[in-house]
PDB file of N, CA and C in Angstrom:
ATOM      1  N   GLN A   1     -21.156   4.936  19.109  1.00  0.00           N
ATOM      2  CA  GLN A   1     -20.883   6.027  19.736  1.00  0.00           C
ATOM      3  C   GLN A   1     -19.620   6.398  20.424  1.00  0.00           C
ATOM      4  N   LEU A   2     -18.883   5.121  20.892  1.00  0.00           N
ATOM      5  CA  LEU A   2     -17.362   5.385  21.268  1.00  0.00           C
ATOM      6  C   LEU A   2     -16.584   5.848  20.238  1.00  0.00           C
ATOM      7  N   LEU A   3     -16.615   5.187  18.922  1.00  0.00           N
ATOM      8  CA  LEU A   3     -15.859   5.788  17.866  1.00  0.00           C
ATOM      9  C   LEU A   3     -16.101   7.291  17.658  1.00  0.00           C
ATOM     10  N   GLN A   4     -17.403   7.725  17.498  1.00  0.00           N
ATOM     11  CA  GLN A   4     -17.677   8.918  17.226  1.00  0.00           C
ATOM     12  C   GLN A   4     -17.170   9.957  18.468  1.00  0.00           C
ATOM     13  N   ASN A   5     -17.210   9.615  19.398  1.00  0.00           N
ATOM     14  CA  ASN A   5     -16.632  10.512  20.901  1.00  0.00           C
ATOM     15  C   ASN A   5     -15.040  10.397  20.651  1.00  0.00           C
ATOM     16  N   ASN A   6     -14.448   9.642  19.982  1.00  0.00           N
ATOM     17  CA  ASN A   6     -13.012   9.627  19.928  1.00  0.00           C
ATOM     18  C   ASN A   6     -12.277   9.839  18.506  1.00  0.00           C
ATOM     19  N   THR A   7     -12.988  10.369  17.640  1.00  0.00           N
ATOM     20  CA  THR A   7     -12.686  10.297  16.230  1.00  0.00           C
ATOM     21  C   THR A   7     -11.255  11.074  15.958  1.00  0.00           C
ATOM     22  N   ASP A   8     -10.690  11.858  17.118  1.00  0.00           N
ATOM     23  CA  ASP A   8      -9.513  12.508  17.139  1.00  0.00           C
ATOM     24  C   ASP A   8      -8.420  11.492  17.132  1.00  0.00           C
ATOM     25  N   VAL A   9      -8.465  10.482  17.565  1.00  0.00           N
ATOM     26  CA  VAL A   9      -7.484   9.371  17.689  1.00  0.00           C
ATOM     27  C   VAL A   9      -7.420   8.207  16.576  1.00  0.00           C
ATOM     28  N   PHE A  10      -8.123   8.476  15.462  1.00  0.00           N
ATOM     29  CA  PHE A  10      -8.094   7.602  14.396  1.00  0.00           C
ATOM     30  C   PHE A  10      -7.656   8.474  13.085  1.00  0.00           C
ATOM     31  N   SER A  11      -6.902   7.790  12.115  1.00  0.00           N
ATOM     32  CA  SER A  11      -6.528   8.392  11.161  1.00  0.00           C
ATOM     33  C   SER A  11      -7.628   8.565  10.169  1.00  0.00           C
ATOM     34  N   ARG A  12      -7.599   9.860   9.329  1.00  0.00           N
ATOM     35  CA  ARG A  12      -8.479  10.244   8.337  1.00  0.00           C
ATOM     36  C   ARG A  12      -8.259   9.908   7.126  1.00  0.00           C
ATOM     37  N   HIS A  13      -7.034   9.664   7.001  1.00  0.00           N
ATOM     38  CA  HIS A  13      -6.683   9.170   5.474  1.00  0.00           C
ATOM     39  C   HIS A  13      -5.246   8.551   5.770  1.00  0.00           C
ATOM     40  N   LYS A  14      -4.604   7.974   4.565  1.00  0.00           N
ATOM     41  CA  LYS A  14      -3.652   7.171   4.652  1.00  0.00           C
ATOM     42  C   LYS A  14      -2.247   7.629   5.024  1.00  0.00           C
ATOM     43  N   TYR A  15      -2.066   9.008   4.992  1.00  0.00           N
ATOM     44  CA  TYR A  15      -1.024   9.814   5.492  1.00  0.00           C
ATOM     45  C   TYR A  15      -1.190  10.727   6.792  1.00  0.00           C
ATOM     46  N   ASP A  16      -2.368  10.393   7.490  1.00  0.00           N
ATOM     47  CA  ASP A  16      -2.643  10.872   8.678  1.00  0.00           C
ATOM     48  C   ASP A  16      -2.160  10.217   9.827  1.00  0.00           C
ATOM     49  N   LEU A  17      -0.694  10.250   9.912  1.00  0.00           N
ATOM     50  CA  LEU A  17      -0.064   9.221  10.746  1.00  0.00           C
ATOM     51  C   LEU A  17       0.000   9.619  12.271  1.00  0.00           C
ATOM     52  N   GLY A  18       0.028  11.019  12.640  1.00  0.00           N
ATOM     53  CA  GLY A  18      -0.017  11.303  14.012  1.00  0.00           C
ATOM     54  C   GLY A  18       1.622  11.325  14.550  1.00  0.00           C
ATOM     55  N   CYS A  19       1.538  11.687  15.593  1.00  0.00           N
ATOM     56  CA  CYS A  19       2.936  11.701  16.391  1.00  0.00           C
ATOM     57  C   CYS A  19       2.556  11.749  17.998  1.00  0.00           C
ATOM     58  N   THR A  20       3.745  11.662  18.654  1.00  0.00           N
ATOM     59  CA  THR A  20       3.664  11.625  20.070  1.00  0.00           C
ATOM     60  C   THR A  20       4.863  12.212  20.728  1.00  0.00           C
ATOM     61  N   ASP A  21       4.741  12.865  21.736  1.00  0.00           N
ATOM     62  CA  ASP A  21       6.011  13.368  22.503  1.00  0.00           C
ATOM     63  C   ASP A  21       6.098  12.661  23.906  1.00  0.00           C
ATOM     64  N   LEU A  22       5.184  11.302  23.885  1.00  0.00           N
ATOM     65  CA  LEU A  22       5.293  10.750  25.077  1.00  0.00           C
ATOM     66  C   LEU A  22       6.487   9.726  25.493  1.00  0.00           C
ATOM     67  N   ILE A  23       7.027   9.409  24.318  1.00  0.00           N
ATOM     68  CA  ILE A  23       8.204   8.800  24.371  1.00  0.00           C
ATOM     69  C   ILE A  23       9.297   9.118  23.487  1.00  0.00           C
ATOM     70  N   GLN A  24      10.696   8.757  23.686  1.00  0.00           N
ATOM     71  CA  GLN A  24      11.832   9.036  22.728  1.00  0.00           C
ATOM     72  C   GLN A  24      12.379   7.672  22.475  1.00  0.00           C
ATOM     73  N   VAL A  25      12.488   7.438  21.120  1.00  0.00           N
ATOM     74  CA  VAL A  25      13.269   6.301  20.776  1.00  0.00           C
ATOM     75  C   VAL A  25      14.719   6.462  20.448  1.00  0.00           C
ATOM     76  N   GLN A  26      15.462   5.681  20.781  1.00  0.00           N
ATOM     77  CA  GLN A  26      16.898   5.681  20.592  1.00  0.00           C
ATOM     78  C   GLN A  26      17.375   4.569  20.036  1.00  0.00           C
ATOM     79  N   ILE A  27      18.109   4.434  18.830  1.00  0.00           N
ATOM     80  CA  ILE A  27      18.748   3.307  18.093  1.00  0.00           C
ATOM     81  C   ILE A  27      20.264   3.274  18.325  1.00  0.00           C
ATOM     82  N   PRO A  28      20.559   2.261  19.160  1.00  0.00           N
ATOM     83  CA  PRO A  28      22.052   2.385  19.500  1.00  0.00           C
ATOM     84  C   PRO A  28      22.629   1.878  18.328  1.00  0.00           C
ATOM     85  N   THR A  29      23.828   2.350  18.014  1.00  0.00           N
ATOM     86  CA  THR A  29      24.636   2.054  16.897  1.00  0.00           C
ATOM     87  C   THR A  29      26.015   1.823  17.174  1.00  0.00           C
ATOM     88  N   GLY A  30      26.284   2.284  18.429  1.00  0.00           N
ATOM     89  CA  GLY A  30      27.687   2.277  18.879  1.00  0.00           C
ATOM     90  C   GLY A  30      28.480   3.010  18.311  1.00  0.00           C
ATOM     91  N   ASN A  31      29.833   2.709  17.766  1.00  0.00           N
ATOM     92  CA  ASN A  31      30.657   3.569  16.994  1.00  0.00           C
ATOM     93  C   ASN A  31      30.473   3.165  15.445  1.00  0.00           C
ATOM     94  N   ALA A  32      29.368   2.508  15.079  1.00  0.00           N
ATOM     95  CA  ALA A  32      29.240   2.456  13.645  1.00  0.00           C
ATOM     96  C   ALA A  32      29.044   3.671  13.051  1.00  0.00           C
ATOM     97  N   ARG A  33      29.794   3.742  11.749  1.00  0.00           N
ATOM     98  CA  ARG A  33      29.605   4.839  10.965  1.00  0.00           C
ATOM     99  C   ARG A  33      28.274   4.779   9.971  1.00  0.00           C
ATOM    100  N   PRO A  34      27.988   5.791   9.502  1.00  0.00           N
ATOM    101  CA  PRO A  34      26.969   5.730   8.436  1.00  0.00           C
ATOM    102  C   PRO A  34      27.150   4.761   7.260  1.00  0.00           C
ATOM    103  N   HIS A  35      26.231   3.869   6.727  1.00  0.00           N
ATOM    104  CA  HIS A  35      26.452   3.324   5.762  1.00  0.00           C
ATOM    105  C   HIS A  35      25.665   3.628   4.614  1.00  0.00           C
ATOM    106  N   ALA A  36      26.275   3.639   3.330  1.00  0.00           N
ATOM    107  CA  ALA A  36      25.319   3.980   2.102  1.00  0.00           C
ATOM    108  C   ALA A  36      25.336   2.834   1.262  1.00  0.00           C
ATOM    109  N   GLU A  37      24.127   2.819   0.659  1.00  0.00           N
ATOM    110  CA  GLU A  37      23.933   1.713  -0.276  1.00  0.00           C
ATOM    111  C   GLU A  37      23.504   2.359  -1.552  1.00  0.00           C
ATOM    112  N   GLY A  38      23.948   1.631  -2.699  1.00  0.00           N
ATOM    113  CA  GLY A  38      23.341   2.102  -4.171  1.00  0.00           C
ATOM    114  C   GLY A  38      21.789   2.075  -4.211  1.00  0.00           C
ATOM    115  N   LEU A  39      21.295   3.044  -5.179  1.00  0.00           N
ATOM    116  CA  LEU A  39      19.947   2.806  -5.504  1.00  0.00           C
ATOM    117  C   LEU A  39      19.665   1.336  -5.975  1.00  0.00           C
ATOM    118  N   ARG A  40      18.414   0.968  -5.572  1.00  0.00           N
ATOM    119  CA  ARG A  40      17.872  -0.356  -6.229  1.00  0.00           C
ATOM    120  C   ARG A  40      16.951  -0.002  -7.333  1.00  0.00           C
ATOM    121  N   SER A  41      17.143  -0.898  -8.419  1.00  0.00           N
ATOM    122  CA  SER A  41      16.361  -0.726  -9.624  1.00  0.00           C
ATOM    123  C   SER A  41      15.090  -1.208  -9.336  1.00  0.00           C
ATOM    124  N   HIS A  42      13.922  -0.601 -10.026  1.00  0.00           N
ATOM    125  CA  HIS A  42      12.577  -0.973 -10.105  1.00  0.00           C
ATOM    126  C   HIS A  42      12.145  -1.329 -11.462  1.00  0.00           C
ATOM    127  N   PRO A  43      11.250  -2.174 -11.695  1.00  0.00           N
ATOM    128  CA  PRO A  43      10.728  -2.333 -13.243  1.00  0.00           C
ATOM    129  C   PRO A  43      10.011  -0.941 -13.706  1.00  0.00           C
ATOM    130  N   ARG A  44      10.488  -0.678 -14.841  1.00  0.00           N
ATOM    131  CA  ARG A  44       9.873   0.494 -15.584  1.00  0.00           C
ATOM    132  C   ARG A  44       8.404   0.759 -15.357  1.00  0.00           C
ATOM    133  N   ALA A  45       7.636  -0.389 -15.447  1.00  0.00           N
ATOM    134  CA  ALA A  45       6.316  -0.308 -15.211  1.00  0.00           C
ATOM    135  C   ALA A  45       5.812   0.371 -13.836  1.00  0.00           C
ATOM    136  N   TYR A  46       6.616   0.278 -12.891  1.00  0.00           N
ATOM    137  CA  TYR A  46       6.247   0.877 -11.734  1.00  0.00           C
ATOM    138  C   TYR A  46       6.816   2.364 -11.298  1.00  0.00           C
ATOM    139  N   LEU A  47       7.629   2.784 -12.136  1.00  0.00           N
ATOM    140  CA  LEU A  47       8.320   3.973 -11.859  1.00  0.00           C
ATOM    141  C   LEU A  47       7.381   5.213 -11.683  1.00  0.00           C
ATOM    142  N   GLN A  48       6.310   5.285 -12.509  1.00  0.00           N
ATOM    143  CA  GLN A  48       5.427   6.484 -12.530  1.00  0.00           C
ATOM    144  C   GLN A  48       4.745   6.258 -11.102  1.00  0.00           C
ATOM    145  N   ALA A  49       4.042   5.085 -10.741  1.00  0.00           N
ATOM    146  CA  ALA A  49       3.493   4.963  -9.571  1.00  0.00           C
ATOM    147  C   ALA A  49       4.403   5.336  -8.333  1.00  0.00           C
ATOM    148  N   ILE A  50       5.638   4.740  -8.535  1.00  0.00           N
ATOM    149  CA  ILE A  50       6.437   5.210  -7.304  1.00  0.00           C
ATOM    150  C   ILE A  50       6.848   6.778  -7.129  1.00  0.00           C
ATOM    151  N   ASP A  51       6.897   7.476  -8.351  1.00  0.00           N
ATOM    152  CA  ASP A  51       7.048   9.061  -8.247  1.00  0.00           C
ATOM    153  C   ASP A  51       5.910   9.459  -7.770  1.00  0.00           C
ATOM    154  N   ASP A  52       4.657   9.115  -8.083  1.00  0.00           N
ATOM    155  CA  ASP A  52       3.350   9.600  -7.680  1.00  0.00           C
ATOM    156  C   ASP A  52       3.224   9.549  -6.109  1.00  0.00           C
ATOM    157  N   GLU A  53       3.625   8.272  -5.650  1.00  0.00           N
ATOM    158  CA  GLU A  53       3.499   8.001  -4.092  1.00  0.00           C
ATOM    159  C   GLU A  53       4.517   8.946  -3.466  1.00  0.00           C
ATOM    160  N   ILE A  54       5.742   9.151  -3.974  1.00  0.00           N
ATOM    161  CA  ILE A  54       6.625   9.990  -3.224  1.00  0.00           C
ATOM    162  C   ILE A  54       6.202  11.452  -3.184  1.00  0.00           C
ATOM    163  N   GLU A  55       5.623  11.883  -4.282  1.00  0.00           N
ATOM    164  CA  GLU A  55       4.945  13.204  -4.344  1.00  0.00           C
ATOM    165  C   GLU A  55       3.938  13.534  -3.492  1.00  0.00           C
ATOM    166  N   GLN A  56       2.911  12.358  -3.384  1.00  0.00           N
ATOM    167  CA  GLN A  56       1.895  12.482  -2.409  1.00  0.00           C
ATOM    168  C   GLN A  56       2.683  12.639  -0.783  1.00  0.00           C
ATOM    169  N   MET A  57       3.438  11.801  -0.787  1.00  0.00           N
ATOM    170  CA  MET A  57       4.130  11.925   0.747  1.00  0.00           C
ATOM    171  C   MET A  57       4.967  13.082   1.035  1.00  0.00           C
ATOM    172  N   LEU A  58       5.491  13.582  -0.060  1.00  0.00           N
ATOM    173  CA  LEU A  58       6.013  14.968   0.384  1.00  0.00           C
ATOM    174  C   LEU A  58       5.030  15.940   0.604  1.00  0.00           C
ATOM    175  N   GLN A  59       3.922  16.100  -0.099  1.00  0.00           N
ATOM    176  CA  GLN A  59       2.959  16.977   0.015  1.00  0.00           C
ATOM    177  C   GLN A  59       2.131  16.927   1.230  1.00  0.00           C
ATOM    178  N   ALA A  60       2.162  15.550   1.739  1.00  0.00           N
ATOM    179  CA  ALA A  60       1.558  15.373   3.207  1.00  0.00           C
ATOM    180  C   ALA A  60       2.450  15.438   4.278  1.00  0.00           C
ATOM    181  N   ASP A  61       3.618  15.899   4.126  1.00  0.00           N
ATOM    182  CA  ASP A  61       4.670  16.032   4.989  1.00  0.00           C
ATOM    183  C   ASP A  61       5.056  14.643   5.748  1.00  0.00           C
ATOM    184  N   VAL A  62       4.884  13.602   5.085  1.00  0.00           N
ATOM    185  CA  VAL A  62       5.202  12.413   5.692  1.00  0.00           C
ATOM    186  C   VAL A  62       6.742  12.326   5.430  1.00  0.00           C
ATOM    187  N   ILE A  63       7.405  12.622   4.538  1.00  0.00           N
ATOM    188  CA  ILE A  63       8.849  12.462   4.315  1.00  0.00           C
ATOM    189  C   ILE A  63       9.107  13.964   3.952  1.00  0.00           C
ATOM    190  N   GLU A  64      10.411  14.062   3.949  1.00  0.00           N
ATOM    191  CA  GLU A  64      11.003  15.367   3.659  1.00  0.00           C
ATOM    192  C   GLU A  64      12.424  15.140   2.681  1.00  0.00           C
ATOM    193  N   GLU A  65      12.631  16.038   1.752  1.00  0.00           N
ATOM    194  CA  GLU A  65      13.908  15.706   0.970  1.00  0.00           C
ATOM    195  C   GLU A  65      15.038  15.835   1.883  1.00  0.00           C
ATOM    196  N   ALA A  66      15.929  15.051   1.472  1.00  0.00           N
ATOM    197  CA  ALA A  66      17.618  15.072   2.233  1.00  0.00           C
ATOM    198  C   ALA A  66      18.472  15.545   1.356  1.00  0.00           C
ATOM    199  N   ASN A  67      19.581  16.148   2.011  1.00  0.00           N
ATOM    200  CA  ASN A  67      20.565  16.579   1.450  1.00  0.00           C
ATOM    201  C   ASN A  67      21.776  16.026   2.367  1.00  0.00           C
ATOM    202  N   SER A  68      22.156  14.800   2.292  1.00  0.00           N
ATOM    203  CA  SER A  68      23.236  14.077   2.960  1.00  0.00           C
ATOM    204  C   SER A  68      24.073  13.273   2.255  1.00  0.00           C
ATOM    205  N   SER A  69      25.141  12.840   2.760  1.00  0.00           N
ATOM    206  CA  SER A  69      26.126  12.055   2.171  1.00  0.00           C
ATOM    207  C   SER A  69      25.600  10.595   2.059  1.00  0.00           C
TER     208      SER A  69
END
């Protein structure tokens, strides 16, 4: 009964992550400049699975495309 009365606080699927405005998180970086790394290669056998997962995450608004340096 407790679970049924509070269904709104539980995820309904793997991308139902929720959010909060109760706290703000800051990551202190000091004067450090942004650091870029090259892409890492993955086995060819996993590439389609990776692309599928990324597409699902985009559709679920878990991630968004970036246009940054």
